[in-house]
Amino acid sequence: MTTLTDRAVLRLSGEGVTDFLQGLVTNNVAADLPVWAGLLTPQGKCLFDFIVWADGEDRMLDCEADAADDLAKRLTLYRLRRPITIERDESLAVHWSRNGDEGSQDPRHPALGKRWLAPATEAAEGWIAHRLSLGVCEGRAELENLLWLETNAGELNGVDFKKGCFVGQENTARMNWRSKVNRRLFVVEGAHEKARATYPDLNRSVVHARIDSIPDDAQIPDWLKDALPS
């Protein structure tokens, strides 16, 4: 029971596929993988987030299933005439284990557990609850149209400022250098009037808030504390 049924796998293959992806996304896909990355607008706002894997020379995107087709279309716009194929790999699924030995450590935070790509098996249970318990946000409902650093991407290893250009880099780098991250994503208990996403069965919501007015019931995980004003 390890398959994350809300995830899909996009396979990018063809000549120069690593360089193609490297110039678009926020993290270094030419080094050790997997990494968590985002595809942003030119203004630095999140369109999609995903985990990038290697399969030989191919690159695999572990992404939100409901967003997979839109992500493929967006990448196709950037492909132009390059001989690169971008399509779903229906033979593979994303797997997760909280405490197992199989797979690679989630690149965002070790406490998230292990992930791997393999043919689908039975559906996993408990992933969303575990993720939210650690204050980690993902997917369009939680991240879309937010500035990348406001999604806590800097603290969760979602950006590499040394790897070269990516879409939205200028504004993202400026925010980082000037320490101008004034808003953050927080997981809070219960419903919230300004929630971006709500999970009634888990009694949790995801809220985008200014760091000078953090909701009283917000969870502040250890990995985020050091980034907030004391």
C-alpha atoms as a PDB file:
ATOM      1  CA  MET A   1       0.000   0.000   0.000  1.00  0.00           C
ATOM      2  CA  THR A   2       2.471   2.598  -1.223  1.00  0.00           C
ATOM      3  CA  THR A   3       1.022   4.148  -4.398  1.00  0.00           C
ATOM      4  CA  LEU A   4       0.174   7.855  -4.264  1.00  0.00           C
ATOM      5  CA  THR A   5      -2.898   7.869  -6.476  1.00  0.00           C
ATOM      6  CA  ASP A   6      -2.996  11.675  -6.682  1.00  0.00           C
ATOM      7  CA  ARG A   7       0.395  11.739  -8.444  1.00  0.00           C
ATOM      8  CA  ALA A   8       1.414  11.047 -12.055  1.00  0.00           C
ATOM      9  CA  VAL A   9       4.694  10.630 -13.917  1.00  0.00           C
ATOM     10  CA  LEU A  10       5.713  12.708 -16.935  1.00  0.00           C
ATOM     11  CA  ARG A  11       8.633  11.415 -18.994  1.00  0.00           C
ATOM     12  CA  LEU A  12      10.833  13.864 -20.887  1.00  0.00           C
ATOM     13  CA  SER A  13      13.127  12.208 -23.394  1.00  0.00           C
ATOM     14  CA  GLY A  14      15.204  13.183 -26.397  1.00  0.00           C
ATOM     15  CA  GLU A  15      18.345  15.049 -27.321  1.00  0.00           C
ATOM     16  CA  GLY A  16      19.284  17.794 -24.854  1.00  0.00           C
ATOM     17  CA  VAL A  17      16.424  17.100 -22.475  1.00  0.00           C
ATOM     18  CA  THR A  18      18.477  17.891 -19.361  1.00  0.00           C
ATOM     19  CA  ASP A  19      19.630  21.249 -20.720  1.00  0.00           C
ATOM     20  CA  PHE A  20      16.060  22.022 -21.797  1.00  0.00           C
ATOM     21  CA  LEU A  21      14.661  21.430 -18.318  1.00  0.00           C
ATOM     22  CA  GLN A  22      17.649  23.041 -16.621  1.00  0.00           C
ATOM     23  CA  GLY A  23      16.864  26.400 -18.211  1.00  0.00           C
ATOM     24  CA  LEU A  24      13.237  26.348 -17.091  1.00  0.00           C
ATOM     25  CA  VAL A  25      12.892  25.079 -13.538  1.00  0.00           C
ATOM     26  CA  THR A  26      14.077  26.358 -10.175  1.00  0.00           C
ATOM     27  CA  ASN A  27      16.418  23.525  -9.205  1.00  0.00           C
ATOM     28  CA  ASN A  28      19.487  21.792 -10.628  1.00  0.00           C
ATOM     29  CA  VAL A  29      18.356  18.810 -12.710  1.00  0.00           C
ATOM     30  CA  ALA A  30      21.866  18.094 -14.009  1.00  0.00           C
ATOM     31  CA  ALA A  31      23.226  17.072 -10.588  1.00  0.00           C
ATOM     32  CA  ASP A  32      22.101  14.562  -7.953  1.00  0.00           C
ATOM     33  CA  LEU A  33      18.443  13.617  -8.268  1.00  0.00           C
ATOM     34  CA  PRO A  34      15.696  13.598  -7.096  1.00  0.00           C
ATOM     35  CA  VAL A  35      15.119  17.283  -6.406  1.00  0.00           C
ATOM     36  CA  TRP A  36      11.985  19.309  -5.755  1.00  0.00           C
ATOM     37  CA  ALA A  37      11.478  22.117  -8.283  1.00  0.00           C
ATOM     38  CA  GLY A  38       8.954  24.583  -9.589  1.00  0.00           C
ATOM     39  CA  LEU A  39       8.007  25.959 -12.984  1.00  0.00           C
ATOM     40  CA  LEU A  40       7.234  29.642 -12.489  1.00  0.00           C
ATOM     41  CA  THR A  41       5.795  32.595 -14.356  1.00  0.00           C
ATOM     42  CA  PRO A  42       8.267  35.245 -15.555  1.00  0.00           C
ATOM     43  CA  GLN A  43       7.258  37.209 -12.437  1.00  0.00           C
ATOM     44  CA  GLY A  44       8.367  34.333 -10.191  1.00  0.00           C
ATOM     45  CA  LYS A  45       4.948  32.954  -9.248  1.00  0.00           C
ATOM     46  CA  CYS A  46       4.350  29.223  -9.006  1.00  0.00           C
ATOM     47  CA  LEU A  47       2.561  27.457 -11.847  1.00  0.00           C
ATOM     48  CA  PHE A  48       3.530  23.859 -11.033  1.00  0.00           C
ATOM     49  CA  ASP A  49       5.702  22.015  -8.549  1.00  0.00           C
ATOM     50  CA  PHE A  50       7.158  18.525  -8.976  1.00  0.00           C
ATOM     51  CA  ILE A  51       9.971  16.189  -8.017  1.00  0.00           C
ATOM     52  CA  VAL A  52      12.499  15.495 -10.791  1.00  0.00           C
ATOM     53  CA  TRP A  53      13.988  12.014 -11.214  1.00  0.00           C
ATOM     54  CA  ALA A  54      16.508  10.534 -13.648  1.00  0.00           C
ATOM     55  CA  ASP A  55      15.964   7.419 -15.750  1.00  0.00           C
ATOM     56  CA  GLY A  56      19.152   7.190 -17.777  1.00  0.00           C
ATOM     57  CA  GLU A  57      19.205  10.317 -19.940  1.00  0.00           C
ATOM     58  CA  ASP A  58      15.457  10.848 -19.497  1.00  0.00           C
ATOM     59  CA  ARG A  59      13.992  13.108 -16.850  1.00  0.00           C
ATOM     60  CA  MET A  60      10.865  12.062 -14.963  1.00  0.00           C
ATOM     61  CA  LEU A  61       8.507  14.512 -13.277  1.00  0.00           C
ATOM     62  CA  ASP A  62       6.642  13.220 -10.224  1.00  0.00           C
ATOM     63  CA  CYS A  63       3.745  15.692 -10.347  1.00  0.00           C
ATOM     64  CA  GLU A  64       0.171  16.288  -9.263  1.00  0.00           C
ATOM     65  CA  ALA A  65      -2.044  14.014 -11.363  1.00  0.00           C
ATOM     66  CA  ASP A  66      -4.721  16.655 -11.966  1.00  0.00           C
ATOM     67  CA  ALA A  67      -2.054  19.067 -13.211  1.00  0.00           C
ATOM     68  CA  ALA A  68      -0.037  16.639 -15.356  1.00  0.00           C
ATOM     69  CA  ASP A  69      -1.672  17.423 -18.693  1.00  0.00           C
ATOM     70  CA  ASP A  70      -1.450  21.184 -18.119  1.00  0.00           C
ATOM     71  CA  LEU A  71       2.192  20.838 -17.110  1.00  0.00           C
ATOM     72  CA  ALA A  72       2.939  18.862 -20.276  1.00  0.00           C
ATOM     73  CA  LYS A  73       1.254  21.548 -22.397  1.00  0.00           C
ATOM     74  CA  ARG A  74       3.242  24.301 -20.706  1.00  0.00           C
ATOM     75  CA  LEU A  75       6.532  22.484 -21.236  1.00  0.00           C
ATOM     76  CA  THR A  76       5.590  21.876 -24.871  1.00  0.00           C
ATOM     77  CA  LEU A  77       5.273  25.646 -25.384  1.00  0.00           C
ATOM     78  CA  TYR A  78       8.902  26.032 -24.328  1.00  0.00           C
ATOM     79  CA  ARG A  79      10.087  23.049 -26.379  1.00  0.00           C
ATOM     80  CA  LEU A  80       9.749  24.844 -29.728  1.00  0.00           C
ATOM     81  CA  ARG A  81      11.500  22.680 -32.368  1.00  0.00           C
ATOM     82  CA  ARG A  82      13.663  20.654 -30.004  1.00  0.00           C
ATOM     83  CA  PRO A  83      13.490  16.857 -30.593  1.00  0.00           C
ATOM     84  CA  ILE A  84      12.075  16.228 -27.126  1.00  0.00           C
ATOM     85  CA  THR A  85       9.098  14.050 -26.207  1.00  0.00           C
ATOM     86  CA  ILE A  86       6.919  15.045 -23.245  1.00  0.00           C
ATOM     87  CA  GLU A  87       4.245  12.555 -22.253  1.00  0.00           C
ATOM     88  CA  ARG A  88       2.712  10.665 -19.355  1.00  0.00           C
ATOM     89  CA  ASP A  89       4.364   7.381 -18.496  1.00  0.00           C
ATOM     90  CA  GLU A  90       1.376   5.241 -17.600  1.00  0.00           C
ATOM     91  CA  SER A  91       3.622   2.287 -16.763  1.00  0.00           C
ATOM     92  CA  LEU A  92       4.894   4.047 -13.647  1.00  0.00           C
ATOM     93  CA  ALA A  93       3.373   5.441 -10.489  1.00  0.00           C
ATOM     94  CA  VAL A  94       4.743   7.412  -7.548  1.00  0.00           C
ATOM     95  CA  HIS A  95       5.249   5.444  -4.351  1.00  0.00           C
ATOM     96  CA  TRP A  96       5.743   6.612  -0.769  1.00  0.00           C
ATOM     97  CA  SER A  97       6.682   4.994   2.506  1.00  0.00           C
ATOM     98  CA  ARG A  98       6.949   6.827   5.791  1.00  0.00           C
ATOM     99  CA  ASN A  99       9.378   4.433   7.446  1.00  0.00           C
ATOM    100  CA  GLY A 100      10.446   1.943   4.771  1.00  0.00           C
ATOM    101  CA  ASP A 101      13.913   1.226   3.432  1.00  0.00           C
ATOM    102  CA  GLU A 102      12.982   1.312  -0.260  1.00  0.00           C
ATOM    103  CA  GLY A 103      13.344   4.405  -2.402  1.00  0.00           C
ATOM    104  CA  SER A 104      15.067   7.779  -2.069  1.00  0.00           C
ATOM    105  CA  GLN A 105      14.638  10.279   0.686  1.00  0.00           C
ATOM    106  CA  ASP A 106      12.119  12.998  -0.135  1.00  0.00           C
ATOM    107  CA  PRO A 107      14.322  15.937  -1.200  1.00  0.00           C
ATOM    108  CA  ARG A 108      12.228  18.498   0.668  1.00  0.00           C
ATOM    109  CA  HIS A 109      12.701  17.115   4.183  1.00  0.00           C
ATOM    110  CA  PRO A 110      13.928  13.739   5.489  1.00  0.00           C
ATOM    111  CA  ALA A 111      10.962  13.362   7.836  1.00  0.00           C
ATOM    112  CA  LEU A 112       8.635  13.142   4.825  1.00  0.00           C
ATOM    113  CA  GLY A 113       9.881   9.600   4.182  1.00  0.00           C
ATOM    114  CA  LYS A 114      10.959   7.730   1.049  1.00  0.00           C
ATOM    115  CA  ARG A 115       9.674   7.976  -2.544  1.00  0.00           C
ATOM    116  CA  TRP A 116      10.263   5.941  -5.681  1.00  0.00           C
ATOM    117  CA  LEU A 117       8.832   5.294  -9.152  1.00  0.00           C
ATOM    118  CA  ALA A 118       7.499   1.841 -10.046  1.00  0.00           C
ATOM    119  CA  PRO A 119       4.374   0.178 -11.469  1.00  0.00           C
ATOM    120  CA  ALA A 120       1.262   0.923  -9.427  1.00  0.00           C
ATOM    121  CA  THR A 121       0.224  -1.260  -6.504  1.00  0.00           C
ATOM    122  CA  GLU A 122      -2.350  -0.612  -3.792  1.00  0.00           C
ATOM    123  CA  ALA A 123      -3.082   2.949  -2.732  1.00  0.00           C
ATOM    124  CA  ALA A 124      -1.092   4.434   0.127  1.00  0.00           C
ATOM    125  CA  GLU A 125      -2.832   5.854   3.175  1.00  0.00           C
ATOM    126  CA  GLY A 126      -1.807   8.744   5.365  1.00  0.00           C
ATOM    127  CA  TRP A 127       0.376  10.755   2.989  1.00  0.00           C
ATOM    128  CA  ILE A 128      -1.547  14.043   3.122  1.00  0.00           C
ATOM    129  CA  ALA A 129      -1.936  13.894   6.897  1.00  0.00           C
ATOM    130  CA  HIS A 130       1.779  13.213   7.296  1.00  0.00           C
ATOM    131  CA  ARG A 131       2.785  15.986   4.912  1.00  0.00           C
ATOM    132  CA  LEU A 132       0.572  18.561   6.601  1.00  0.00           C
ATOM    133  CA  SER A 133       1.779  17.497  10.046  1.00  0.00           C
ATOM    134  CA  LEU A 134       5.242  18.623   8.927  1.00  0.00           C
ATOM    135  CA  GLY A 135       3.965  21.912   7.508  1.00  0.00           C
ATOM    136  CA  VAL A 136       4.913  21.031   3.922  1.00  0.00           C
ATOM    137  CA  CYS A 137       2.677  22.329   1.121  1.00  0.00           C
ATOM    138  CA  GLU A 138       2.408  21.187  -2.498  1.00  0.00           C
ATOM    139  CA  GLY A 139       0.102  21.234  -5.516  1.00  0.00           C
ATOM    140  CA  ARG A 140      -1.837  23.938  -7.294  1.00  0.00           C
ATOM    141  CA  ALA A 141      -4.510  24.380  -4.638  1.00  0.00           C
ATOM    142  CA  GLU A 142      -1.861  25.273  -2.078  1.00  0.00           C
ATOM    143  CA  LEU A 143       0.915  26.906  -4.137  1.00  0.00           C
ATOM    144  CA  GLU A 144      -0.441  28.290  -7.406  1.00  0.00           C
ATOM    145  CA  ASN A 145       0.212  31.976  -8.154  1.00  0.00           C
ATOM    146  CA  LEU A 146       2.315  32.492  -5.038  1.00  0.00           C
ATOM    147  CA  LEU A 147       5.842  33.835  -5.297  1.00  0.00           C
ATOM    148  CA  TRP A 148       8.107  30.793  -5.128  1.00  0.00           C
ATOM    149  CA  LEU A 149       9.947  31.798  -1.954  1.00  0.00           C
ATOM    150  CA  GLU A 150       6.617  32.477  -0.223  1.00  0.00           C
ATOM    151  CA  THR A 151       5.828  28.762  -0.583  1.00  0.00           C
ATOM    152  CA  ASN A 152       8.822  28.054   1.723  1.00  0.00           C
ATOM    153  CA  ALA A 153      10.752  26.700  -1.259  1.00  0.00           C
ATOM    154  CA  GLY A 154      14.033  28.098   0.043  1.00  0.00           C
ATOM    155  CA  GLU A 155      13.774  26.145   3.287  1.00  0.00           C
ATOM    156  CA  LEU A 156      12.568  22.981   1.524  1.00  0.00           C
ATOM    157  CA  ASN A 157      15.428  22.772  -0.989  1.00  0.00           C
ATOM    158  CA  GLY A 158      13.268  23.893  -3.900  1.00  0.00           C
ATOM    159  CA  VAL A 159      15.641  26.406  -5.508  1.00  0.00           C
ATOM    160  CA  ASP A 160      19.283  26.519  -6.540  1.00  0.00           C
ATOM    161  CA  PHE A 161      20.575  30.049  -7.117  1.00  0.00           C
ATOM    162  CA  LYS A 162      23.939  28.787  -8.374  1.00  0.00           C
ATOM    163  CA  LYS A 163      22.771  26.566 -11.220  1.00  0.00           C
ATOM    164  CA  GLY A 164      21.976  29.262 -13.788  1.00  0.00           C
ATOM    165  CA  CYS A 165      18.884  30.863 -15.242  1.00  0.00           C
ATOM    166  CA  PHE A 166      15.312  29.673 -14.858  1.00  0.00           C
ATOM    167  CA  VAL A 167      11.937  31.211 -15.637  1.00  0.00           C
ATOM    168  CA  GLY A 168      11.156  33.774 -12.926  1.00  0.00           C
ATOM    169  CA  GLN A 169      14.724  33.834 -11.644  1.00  0.00           C
ATOM    170  CA  GLU A 170      15.181  37.606 -11.578  1.00  0.00           C
ATOM    171  CA  ASN A 171      12.410  38.374  -9.089  1.00  0.00           C
ATOM    172  CA  THR A 172      13.076  35.217  -7.074  1.00  0.00           C
ATOM    173  CA  ALA A 173      16.778  36.030  -6.712  1.00  0.00           C
ATOM    174  CA  ARG A 174      16.021  39.642  -5.818  1.00  0.00           C
ATOM    175  CA  MET A 175      13.704  38.548  -3.012  1.00  0.00           C
ATOM    176  CA  ASN A 176      16.355  36.185  -1.713  1.00  0.00           C
ATOM    177  CA  TRP A 177      19.225  38.683  -1.771  1.00  0.00           C
ATOM    178  CA  ARG A 178      17.166  41.434  -0.153  1.00  0.00           C
ATOM    179  CA  SER A 179      15.458  39.089   2.353  1.00  0.00           C
ATOM    180  CA  LYS A 180      12.087  40.347   1.154  1.00  0.00           C
ATOM    181  CA  VAL A 181       9.977  37.263   1.869  1.00  0.00           C
ATOM    182  CA  ASN A 182       7.147  38.947   3.735  1.00  0.00           C
ATOM    183  CA  ARG A 183       4.543  36.209   3.390  1.00  0.00           C
ATOM    184  CA  ARG A 184       4.591  32.478   3.971  1.00  0.00           C
ATOM    185  CA  LEU A 185       2.431  29.386   3.732  1.00  0.00           C
ATOM    186  CA  PHE A 186       1.296  27.921   7.044  1.00  0.00           C
ATOM    187  CA  VAL A 187      -0.694  24.845   7.998  1.00  0.00           C
ATOM    188  CA  VAL A 188      -3.303  25.725  10.636  1.00  0.00           C
ATOM    189  CA  GLU A 189      -5.732  23.713  12.702  1.00  0.00           C
ATOM    190  CA  GLY A 190      -9.374  23.654  11.622  1.00  0.00           C
ATOM    191  CA  ALA A 191     -11.062  25.774   8.971  1.00  0.00           C
ATOM    192  CA  HIS A 192      -9.849  29.282   8.230  1.00  0.00           C
ATOM    193  CA  GLU A 193     -11.649  32.093   6.450  1.00  0.00           C
ATOM    194  CA  LYS A 194      -8.623  32.824   4.244  1.00  0.00           C
ATOM    195  CA  ALA A 195      -7.603  29.242   3.588  1.00  0.00           C
ATOM    196  CA  ARG A 196      -6.192  28.359   0.175  1.00  0.00           C
ATOM    197  CA  ALA A 197      -6.968  24.684   0.764  1.00  0.00           C
ATOM    198  CA  THR A 198      -9.008  22.985   3.479  1.00  0.00           C
ATOM    199  CA  TYR A 199      -8.927  19.358   4.647  1.00  0.00           C
ATOM    200  CA  PRO A 200     -11.986  18.880   6.880  1.00  0.00           C
ATOM    201  CA  ASP A 201     -11.293  15.191   7.573  1.00  0.00           C
ATOM    202  CA  LEU A 202      -7.859  16.142   8.918  1.00  0.00           C
ATOM    203  CA  ASN A 203      -8.985  19.347  10.650  1.00  0.00           C
ATOM    204  CA  ARG A 204      -6.296  21.282   8.764  1.00  0.00           C
ATOM    205  CA  SER A 205      -6.112  24.225   6.371  1.00  0.00           C
ATOM    206  CA  VAL A 206      -3.339  25.889   4.386  1.00  0.00           C
ATOM    207  CA  VAL A 207      -3.124  29.669   4.765  1.00  0.00           C
ATOM    208  CA  HIS A 208      -0.990  32.287   3.007  1.00  0.00           C
ATOM    209  CA  ALA A 209      -0.236  34.970   5.590  1.00  0.00           C
ATOM    210  CA  ARG A 210       2.080  37.848   6.349  1.00  0.00           C
ATOM    211  CA  ILE A 211       4.874  36.923   8.716  1.00  0.00           C
ATOM    212  CA  ASP A 212       3.905  39.833  10.975  1.00  0.00           C
ATOM    213  CA  SER A 213       0.383  38.448  11.394  1.00  0.00           C
ATOM    214  CA  ILE A 214       0.780  34.658  11.564  1.00  0.00           C
ATOM    215  CA  PRO A 215      -2.469  32.945  12.596  1.00  0.00           C
ATOM    216  CA  ASP A 216      -2.476  31.952  16.261  1.00  0.00           C
ATOM    217  CA  ASP A 217      -3.287  28.340  15.421  1.00  0.00           C
ATOM    218  CA  ALA A 218      -0.551  27.985  12.792  1.00  0.00           C
ATOM    219  CA  GLN A 219       1.909  25.116  13.030  1.00  0.00           C
ATOM    220  CA  ILE A 220       5.473  26.437  12.907  1.00  0.00           C
ATOM    221  CA  PRO A 221       7.728  23.470  12.109  1.00  0.00           C
ATOM    222  CA  ASP A 222      11.338  23.545  13.218  1.00  0.00           C
ATOM    223  CA  TRP A 223      12.598  23.854   9.640  1.00  0.00           C
ATOM    224  CA  LEU A 224      10.645  27.134   9.248  1.00  0.00           C
ATOM    225  CA  LYS A 225      11.297  28.744  12.641  1.00  0.00           C
ATOM    226  CA  ASP A 226      14.768  30.033  11.794  1.00  0.00           C
ATOM    227  CA  ALA A 227      13.449  31.788   8.690  1.00  0.00           C
ATOM    228  CA  LEU A 228      10.880  33.802  10.638  1.00  0.00           C
ATOM    229  CA  PRO A 229      11.544  36.949  12.680  1.00  0.00           C
ATOM    230  CA  SER A 230      12.182  36.173  16.343  1.00  0.00           C
END
